[in-house]
Amino acid sequence: MTDVPERPLRTPRAAGLAGVLFALLFAAAMVLIRLGIPEGVDAVALRGPTDSARRGAVRAALALVPFAGIFFLWFTGVVRDHFGDAEDKFLATVLLGSGLVFVAAMFGAAAAADAVLAVAHRPGAQDGPAAWDFGRHFAYTLMTGYAMRMAAVFACSLSVLAHRLGVLPRWLTLLGLLTALVLLFAASNVPWAELVFPAWALVLSTHILLSGNHRPSPGTATAG
């Protein structure tokens, strides 16, 4: 039987494309959520002509979130496949776990935002403002307080793992660690700080797309 020549893997380009799509969709969803459910604005203040526009922004964001989550899971999977058998099992487990929890928290925050639309400002409802405030705070806490912390762990573990395998340049691993620090300590206090994560994912994905196919073999990890 004639041996079939092994075809080169295309994982890096697939990872880059999935990462770019995730970054764009997630950033768009976060901007729409910020505009549609602003912090520091109560339910009564949102009554009037602008209310329908804000609801439309939130609905558009909710339509984007599931696709952002799908592309993020694909991005996580193909990046791990790109690392190959040489990946550190401890860091790889932390990377995978943090990515899964991030997606779960992101979906939970989207569900909370959807609940705000469903129960706030209902005609004849007496608890509209209270329901609005609860849903808004719950959505923001879940996204900025929990999802962003998991995103920080994801960025940190990926950067450290990629550095040990030598698959990313030093400046990009430092950028990943800086992103993790911002998400850990600023995301819940500084408005719009969560956009650092899709910005980092976009830079990383662009680098993967442009760097070509490079997959480390077992034993290439550096000591650390």
C-alpha atoms as a PDB file:
ATOM      1  CA  MET A   1       0.000   0.000   0.000  1.00  0.00           C
ATOM      2  CA  THR A   2       1.349   3.394  -0.956  1.00  0.00           C
ATOM      3  CA  ASP A   3       1.787   5.761   1.933  1.00  0.00           C
ATOM      4  CA  VAL A   4      -0.332   8.862   1.659  1.00  0.00           C
ATOM      5  CA  PRO A   5       1.814  11.960   2.285  1.00  0.00           C
ATOM      6  CA  GLU A   6       0.862  13.769   5.422  1.00  0.00           C
ATOM      7  CA  ARG A   7      -0.834  17.076   4.683  1.00  0.00           C
ATOM      8  CA  PRO A   8       0.324  20.140   6.629  1.00  0.00           C
ATOM      9  CA  LEU A   9      -1.908  21.180   9.466  1.00  0.00           C
ATOM     10  CA  ARG A  10      -3.946  24.350   9.077  1.00  0.00           C
ATOM     11  CA  THR A  11      -4.695  24.845  12.730  1.00  0.00           C
ATOM     12  CA  PRO A  12      -3.004  28.265  13.120  1.00  0.00           C
ATOM     13  CA  ARG A  13      -5.074  29.886  10.369  1.00  0.00           C
ATOM     14  CA  ALA A  14      -8.270  28.331  11.699  1.00  0.00           C
ATOM     15  CA  ALA A  15      -7.405  29.577  15.183  1.00  0.00           C
ATOM     16  CA  GLY A  16      -6.652  33.038  13.884  1.00  0.00           C
ATOM     17  CA  LEU A  17      -9.913  33.298  11.967  1.00  0.00           C
ATOM     18  CA  ALA A  18     -11.989  32.050  14.900  1.00  0.00           C
ATOM     19  CA  GLY A  19     -10.221  34.450  17.234  1.00  0.00           C
ATOM     20  CA  VAL A  20     -10.821  37.418  14.941  1.00  0.00           C
ATOM     21  CA  LEU A  21     -14.524  36.606  14.691  1.00  0.00           C
ATOM     22  CA  PHE A  22     -14.794  36.184  18.456  1.00  0.00           C
ATOM     23  CA  ALA A  23     -13.005  39.478  19.100  1.00  0.00           C
ATOM     24  CA  LEU A  24     -15.229  41.436  16.732  1.00  0.00           C
ATOM     25  CA  LEU A  25     -18.493  39.872  17.899  1.00  0.00           C
ATOM     26  CA  PHE A  26     -17.686  40.095  21.607  1.00  0.00           C
ATOM     27  CA  ALA A  27     -16.514  43.701  21.358  1.00  0.00           C
ATOM     28  CA  ALA A  28     -19.647  44.662  19.431  1.00  0.00           C
ATOM     29  CA  ALA A  29     -21.857  42.895  21.981  1.00  0.00           C
ATOM     30  CA  MET A  30     -20.166  44.620  24.930  1.00  0.00           C
ATOM     31  CA  VAL A  31     -20.467  48.052  23.306  1.00  0.00           C
ATOM     32  CA  LEU A  32     -24.164  47.488  22.606  1.00  0.00           C
ATOM     33  CA  ILE A  33     -24.755  46.242  26.158  1.00  0.00           C
ATOM     34  CA  ARG A  34     -22.962  49.271  27.598  1.00  0.00           C
ATOM     35  CA  LEU A  35     -25.088  51.584  25.465  1.00  0.00           C
ATOM     36  CA  GLY A  36     -28.331  49.682  26.024  1.00  0.00           C
ATOM     37  CA  ILE A  37     -28.024  49.079  29.780  1.00  0.00           C
ATOM     38  CA  PRO A  38     -25.810  51.900  31.020  1.00  0.00           C
ATOM     39  CA  GLU A  39     -24.455  51.885  34.549  1.00  0.00           C
ATOM     40  CA  GLY A  40     -25.704  54.588  36.903  1.00  0.00           C
ATOM     41  CA  VAL A  41     -29.010  55.135  35.053  1.00  0.00           C
ATOM     42  CA  ASP A  42     -32.194  54.064  36.777  1.00  0.00           C
ATOM     43  CA  ALA A  43     -35.271  52.622  35.147  1.00  0.00           C
ATOM     44  CA  VAL A  44     -37.329  55.806  35.391  1.00  0.00           C
ATOM     45  CA  ALA A  45     -34.677  57.846  33.585  1.00  0.00           C
ATOM     46  CA  LEU A  46     -34.790  55.431  30.652  1.00  0.00           C
ATOM     47  CA  ARG A  47     -38.472  55.969  29.969  1.00  0.00           C
ATOM     48  CA  GLY A  48     -39.138  57.941  26.805  1.00  0.00           C
ATOM     49  CA  PRO A  49     -38.010  58.033  23.167  1.00  0.00           C
ATOM     50  CA  THR A  50     -34.546  56.608  23.833  1.00  0.00           C
ATOM     51  CA  ASP A  51     -35.857  53.551  25.664  1.00  0.00           C
ATOM     52  CA  SER A  52     -36.806  51.636  22.500  1.00  0.00           C
ATOM     53  CA  ALA A  53     -33.380  52.387  20.988  1.00  0.00           C
ATOM     54  CA  ARG A  54     -31.647  51.027  24.095  1.00  0.00           C
ATOM     55  CA  ARG A  55     -33.775  47.905  24.004  1.00  0.00           C
ATOM     56  CA  GLY A  56     -32.874  47.430  20.362  1.00  0.00           C
ATOM     57  CA  ALA A  57     -29.181  47.725  21.223  1.00  0.00           C
ATOM     58  CA  VAL A  58     -29.502  45.078  23.934  1.00  0.00           C
ATOM     59  CA  ARG A  59     -31.409  42.733  21.635  1.00  0.00           C
ATOM     60  CA  ALA A  60     -28.713  43.104  18.996  1.00  0.00           C
ATOM     61  CA  ALA A  61     -26.044  42.329  21.592  1.00  0.00           C
ATOM     62  CA  LEU A  62     -27.916  39.246  22.780  1.00  0.00           C
ATOM     63  CA  ALA A  63     -28.073  37.985  19.204  1.00  0.00           C
ATOM     64  CA  LEU A  64     -24.281  38.259  18.915  1.00  0.00           C
ATOM     65  CA  VAL A  65     -23.304  36.646  22.243  1.00  0.00           C
ATOM     66  CA  PRO A  66     -24.043  32.978  21.324  1.00  0.00           C
ATOM     67  CA  PHE A  67     -21.939  33.242  18.176  1.00  0.00           C
ATOM     68  CA  ALA A  68     -19.129  34.941  20.082  1.00  0.00           C
ATOM     69  CA  GLY A  69     -19.160  32.039  22.552  1.00  0.00           C
ATOM     70  CA  ILE A  70     -19.081  29.458  19.762  1.00  0.00           C
ATOM     71  CA  PHE A  71     -16.127  31.109  18.048  1.00  0.00           C
ATOM     72  CA  PHE A  72     -14.315  31.436  21.382  1.00  0.00           C
ATOM     73  CA  LEU A  73     -14.675  27.705  22.071  1.00  0.00           C
ATOM     74  CA  TRP A  74     -13.391  26.954  18.587  1.00  0.00           C
ATOM     75  CA  PHE A  75     -10.524  29.375  19.135  1.00  0.00           C
ATOM     76  CA  THR A  76      -9.623  27.645  22.410  1.00  0.00           C
ATOM     77  CA  GLY A  77      -9.726  24.199  20.832  1.00  0.00           C
ATOM     78  CA  VAL A  78      -7.611  24.959  17.795  1.00  0.00           C
ATOM     79  CA  VAL A  79      -5.054  26.923  19.830  1.00  0.00           C
ATOM     80  CA  ARG A  80      -4.592  23.909  22.110  1.00  0.00           C
ATOM     81  CA  ASP A  81      -4.284  21.692  19.054  1.00  0.00           C
ATOM     82  CA  HIS A  82      -1.679  24.081  17.674  1.00  0.00           C
ATOM     83  CA  PHE A  83       0.335  23.677  20.883  1.00  0.00           C
ATOM     84  CA  GLY A  84       0.322  19.932  20.214  1.00  0.00           C
ATOM     85  CA  ASP A  85       1.643  17.201  22.490  1.00  0.00           C
ATOM     86  CA  ALA A  86       4.314  19.491  23.897  1.00  0.00           C
ATOM     87  CA  GLU A  87       1.838  21.543  25.934  1.00  0.00           C
ATOM     88  CA  ASP A  88       2.132  21.584  29.701  1.00  0.00           C
ATOM     89  CA  LYS A  89      -0.811  19.592  31.042  1.00  0.00           C
ATOM     90  CA  PHE A  90      -1.255  21.805  34.107  1.00  0.00           C
ATOM     91  CA  LEU A  91      -1.356  25.062  32.147  1.00  0.00           C
ATOM     92  CA  ALA A  92      -3.427  23.466  29.397  1.00  0.00           C
ATOM     93  CA  THR A  93      -6.022  22.358  31.966  1.00  0.00           C
ATOM     94  CA  VAL A  94      -6.170  25.845  33.488  1.00  0.00           C
ATOM     95  CA  LEU A  95      -6.482  27.310  29.990  1.00  0.00           C
ATOM     96  CA  LEU A  96      -9.355  25.027  29.047  1.00  0.00           C
ATOM     97  CA  GLY A  97     -11.160  25.379  32.377  1.00  0.00           C
ATOM     98  CA  SER A  98     -10.963  29.166  32.442  1.00  0.00           C
ATOM     99  CA  GLY A  99     -12.175  29.347  28.850  1.00  0.00           C
ATOM    100  CA  LEU A 100     -15.209  27.195  29.609  1.00  0.00           C
ATOM    101  CA  VAL A 101     -16.102  29.170  32.734  1.00  0.00           C
ATOM    102  CA  PHE A 102     -15.686  32.434  30.806  1.00  0.00           C
ATOM    103  CA  VAL A 103     -18.176  31.300  28.175  1.00  0.00           C
ATOM    104  CA  ALA A 104     -20.615  30.100  30.857  1.00  0.00           C
ATOM    105  CA  ALA A 105     -20.398  33.428  32.705  1.00  0.00           C
ATOM    106  CA  MET A 106     -20.781  35.355  29.443  1.00  0.00           C
ATOM    107  CA  PHE A 107     -23.924  33.406  28.593  1.00  0.00           C
ATOM    108  CA  GLY A 108     -25.222  33.955  32.129  1.00  0.00           C
ATOM    109  CA  ALA A 109     -24.687  37.703  31.831  1.00  0.00           C
ATOM    110  CA  ALA A 110     -26.502  37.692  28.499  1.00  0.00           C
ATOM    111  CA  ALA A 111     -29.394  35.798  30.058  1.00  0.00           C
ATOM    112  CA  ALA A 112     -29.557  38.382  32.859  1.00  0.00           C
ATOM    113  CA  ALA A 113     -29.642  41.190  30.297  1.00  0.00           C
ATOM    114  CA  ASP A 114     -32.435  39.371  28.490  1.00  0.00           C
ATOM    115  CA  ALA A 115     -34.315  39.139  31.780  1.00  0.00           C
ATOM    116  CA  VAL A 116     -34.011  42.910  32.158  1.00  0.00           C
ATOM    117  CA  LEU A 117     -35.761  43.334  28.823  1.00  0.00           C
ATOM    118  CA  ALA A 118     -38.447  40.836  29.760  1.00  0.00           C
ATOM    119  CA  VAL A 119     -39.488  42.228  33.150  1.00  0.00           C
ATOM    120  CA  ALA A 120     -38.522  45.909  33.257  1.00  0.00           C
ATOM    121  CA  HIS A 121     -41.081  48.541  32.279  1.00  0.00           C
ATOM    122  CA  ARG A 122     -43.923  46.096  31.792  1.00  0.00           C
ATOM    123  CA  PRO A 123     -47.272  47.937  31.502  1.00  0.00           C
ATOM    124  CA  GLY A 124     -48.981  48.045  34.868  1.00  0.00           C
ATOM    125  CA  ALA A 125     -46.033  46.471  36.694  1.00  0.00           C
ATOM    126  CA  GLN A 126     -45.203  48.038  40.054  1.00  0.00           C
ATOM    127  CA  ASP A 127     -41.763  46.466  40.430  1.00  0.00           C
ATOM    128  CA  GLY A 128     -40.283  47.569  37.074  1.00  0.00           C
ATOM    129  CA  PRO A 129     -37.527  49.840  38.463  1.00  0.00           C
ATOM    130  CA  ALA A 130     -36.527  47.287  41.097  1.00  0.00           C
ATOM    131  CA  ALA A 131     -36.410  44.497  38.523  1.00  0.00           C
ATOM    132  CA  TRP A 132     -34.386  46.730  36.194  1.00  0.00           C
ATOM    133  CA  ASP A 133     -31.832  47.589  38.858  1.00  0.00           C
ATOM    134  CA  PHE A 134     -31.462  43.981  39.969  1.00  0.00           C
ATOM    135  CA  GLY A 135     -31.071  42.625  36.451  1.00  0.00           C
ATOM    136  CA  ARG A 136     -28.656  45.368  35.419  1.00  0.00           C
ATOM    137  CA  HIS A 137     -26.406  44.910  38.456  1.00  0.00           C
ATOM    138  CA  PHE A 138     -26.540  41.128  38.134  1.00  0.00           C
ATOM    139  CA  ALA A 139     -25.557  41.232  34.445  1.00  0.00           C
ATOM    140  CA  TYR A 140     -22.683  43.639  35.022  1.00  0.00           C
ATOM    141  CA  THR A 141     -21.416  41.777  38.088  1.00  0.00           C
ATOM    142  CA  LEU A 142     -21.442  38.471  36.259  1.00  0.00           C
ATOM    143  CA  MET A 143     -19.646  39.890  33.241  1.00  0.00           C
ATOM    144  CA  THR A 144     -17.139  42.303  34.773  1.00  0.00           C
ATOM    145  CA  GLY A 145     -16.683  40.584  38.129  1.00  0.00           C
ATOM    146  CA  TYR A 146     -16.538  36.931  37.107  1.00  0.00           C
ATOM    147  CA  ALA A 147     -16.307  36.448  33.344  1.00  0.00           C
ATOM    148  CA  MET A 148     -13.481  38.969  33.064  1.00  0.00           C
ATOM    149  CA  ARG A 149     -11.541  37.265  35.867  1.00  0.00           C
ATOM    150  CA  MET A 150     -11.783  33.999  33.961  1.00  0.00           C
ATOM    151  CA  ALA A 151     -10.719  35.826  30.809  1.00  0.00           C
ATOM    152  CA  ALA A 152      -7.687  37.066  32.761  1.00  0.00           C
ATOM    153  CA  VAL A 153      -6.767  33.512  33.751  1.00  0.00           C
ATOM    154  CA  PHE A 154      -7.228  32.422  30.143  1.00  0.00           C
ATOM    155  CA  ALA A 155      -4.956  35.178  28.798  1.00  0.00           C
ATOM    156  CA  CYS A 156      -2.326  34.552  31.468  1.00  0.00           C
ATOM    157  CA  SER A 157      -2.188  30.764  31.089  1.00  0.00           C
ATOM    158  CA  LEU A 158      -2.162  30.973  27.286  1.00  0.00           C
ATOM    159  CA  SER A 159       0.658  33.530  27.323  1.00  0.00           C
ATOM    160  CA  VAL A 160       2.784  31.549  29.761  1.00  0.00           C
ATOM    161  CA  LEU A 161       2.202  28.303  27.891  1.00  0.00           C
ATOM    162  CA  ALA A 162       2.969  29.893  24.526  1.00  0.00           C
ATOM    163  CA  HIS A 163       6.146  31.438  25.941  1.00  0.00           C
ATOM    164  CA  ARG A 164       7.365  28.114  27.307  1.00  0.00           C
ATOM    165  CA  LEU A 165       6.743  26.473  23.929  1.00  0.00           C
ATOM    166  CA  GLY A 166       8.291  29.360  22.039  1.00  0.00           C
ATOM    167  CA  VAL A 167       5.294  29.833  19.729  1.00  0.00           C
ATOM    168  CA  LEU A 168       4.707  33.523  20.506  1.00  0.00           C
ATOM    169  CA  PRO A 169       7.111  36.461  20.497  1.00  0.00           C
ATOM    170  CA  ARG A 170       8.078  37.970  23.809  1.00  0.00           C
ATOM    171  CA  TRP A 171       6.148  41.202  23.247  1.00  0.00           C
ATOM    172  CA  LEU A 172       2.936  39.267  22.650  1.00  0.00           C
ATOM    173  CA  THR A 173       3.308  37.172  25.792  1.00  0.00           C
ATOM    174  CA  LEU A 174       3.959  40.353  27.788  1.00  0.00           C
ATOM    175  CA  LEU A 175       0.856  41.886  26.211  1.00  0.00           C
ATOM    176  CA  GLY A 176      -1.147  38.852  27.330  1.00  0.00           C
ATOM    177  CA  LEU A 177       0.111  39.179  30.897  1.00  0.00           C
ATOM    178  CA  LEU A 178      -0.678  42.907  30.899  1.00  0.00           C
ATOM    179  CA  THR A 179      -4.176  42.116  29.619  1.00  0.00           C
ATOM    180  CA  ALA A 180      -4.624  39.637  32.458  1.00  0.00           C
ATOM    181  CA  LEU A 181      -3.612  42.248  35.044  1.00  0.00           C
ATOM    182  CA  VAL A 182      -6.044  44.817  33.643  1.00  0.00           C
ATOM    183  CA  LEU A 183      -8.898  42.314  33.618  1.00  0.00           C
ATOM    184  CA  LEU A 184      -8.124  41.125  37.131  1.00  0.00           C
ATOM    185  CA  PHE A 185      -7.914  44.498  38.841  1.00  0.00           C
ATOM    186  CA  ALA A 186      -9.662  47.065  36.636  1.00  0.00           C
ATOM    187  CA  ALA A 187     -12.505  45.373  34.768  1.00  0.00           C
ATOM    188  CA  SER A 188     -15.015  45.641  37.616  1.00  0.00           C
ATOM    189  CA  ASN A 189     -14.158  49.259  38.446  1.00  0.00           C
ATOM    190  CA  VAL A 190     -13.208  50.933  35.159  1.00  0.00           C
ATOM    191  CA  PRO A 191     -15.994  51.192  32.548  1.00  0.00           C
ATOM    192  CA  TRP A 192     -15.178  49.686  29.152  1.00  0.00           C
ATOM    193  CA  ALA A 193     -12.050  47.961  30.518  1.00  0.00           C
ATOM    194  CA  GLU A 194     -13.482  44.604  29.405  1.00  0.00           C
ATOM    195  CA  LEU A 195     -12.762  45.606  25.794  1.00  0.00           C
ATOM    196  CA  VAL A 196      -9.097  44.902  26.525  1.00  0.00           C
ATOM    197  CA  PHE A 197      -9.820  41.180  26.207  1.00  0.00           C
ATOM    198  CA  PRO A 198     -11.209  41.178  22.637  1.00  0.00           C
ATOM    199  CA  ALA A 199      -8.472  43.654  21.656  1.00  0.00           C
ATOM    200  CA  TRP A 200      -5.825  41.196  22.897  1.00  0.00           C
ATOM    201  CA  ALA A 201      -7.591  38.299  21.171  1.00  0.00           C
ATOM    202  CA  LEU A 202      -7.638  40.283  17.930  1.00  0.00           C
ATOM    203  CA  VAL A 203      -3.900  41.019  18.127  1.00  0.00           C
ATOM    204  CA  LEU A 204      -3.107  37.395  18.983  1.00  0.00           C
ATOM    205  CA  SER A 205      -5.313  36.045  16.210  1.00  0.00           C
ATOM    206  CA  THR A 206      -3.828  38.411  13.656  1.00  0.00           C
ATOM    207  CA  HIS A 207      -0.338  37.258  14.641  1.00  0.00           C
ATOM    208  CA  ILE A 208      -1.375  33.615  14.248  1.00  0.00           C
ATOM    209  CA  LEU A 209      -2.834  34.340  10.825  1.00  0.00           C
ATOM    210  CA  LEU A 210       0.345  36.078   9.651  1.00  0.00           C
ATOM    211  CA  SER A 211       2.938  33.837  11.296  1.00  0.00           C
ATOM    212  CA  GLY A 212       2.274  30.729   9.217  1.00  0.00           C
ATOM    213  CA  ASN A 213       2.135  27.109  10.345  1.00  0.00           C
ATOM    214  CA  HIS A 214       4.355  26.338  13.324  1.00  0.00           C
ATOM    215  CA  ARG A 215       3.514  23.504  15.658  1.00  0.00           C
ATOM    216  CA  PRO A 216       5.932  22.586  18.433  1.00  0.00           C
ATOM    217  CA  SER A 217       6.996  18.993  18.908  1.00  0.00           C
ATOM    218  CA  PRO A 218       7.197  17.208  22.249  1.00  0.00           C
ATOM    219  CA  GLY A 219      10.171  18.264  24.319  1.00  0.00           C
ATOM    220  CA  THR A 220      10.373  21.832  22.999  1.00  0.00           C
ATOM    221  CA  ALA A 221       8.949  23.430  26.133  1.00  0.00           C
ATOM    222  CA  THR A 222      11.436  25.526  28.006  1.00  0.00           C
ATOM    223  CA  ALA A 223      12.066  25.039  31.646  1.00  0.00           C
ATOM    224  CA  GLY A 224      10.078  27.296  33.858  1.00  0.00           C
END
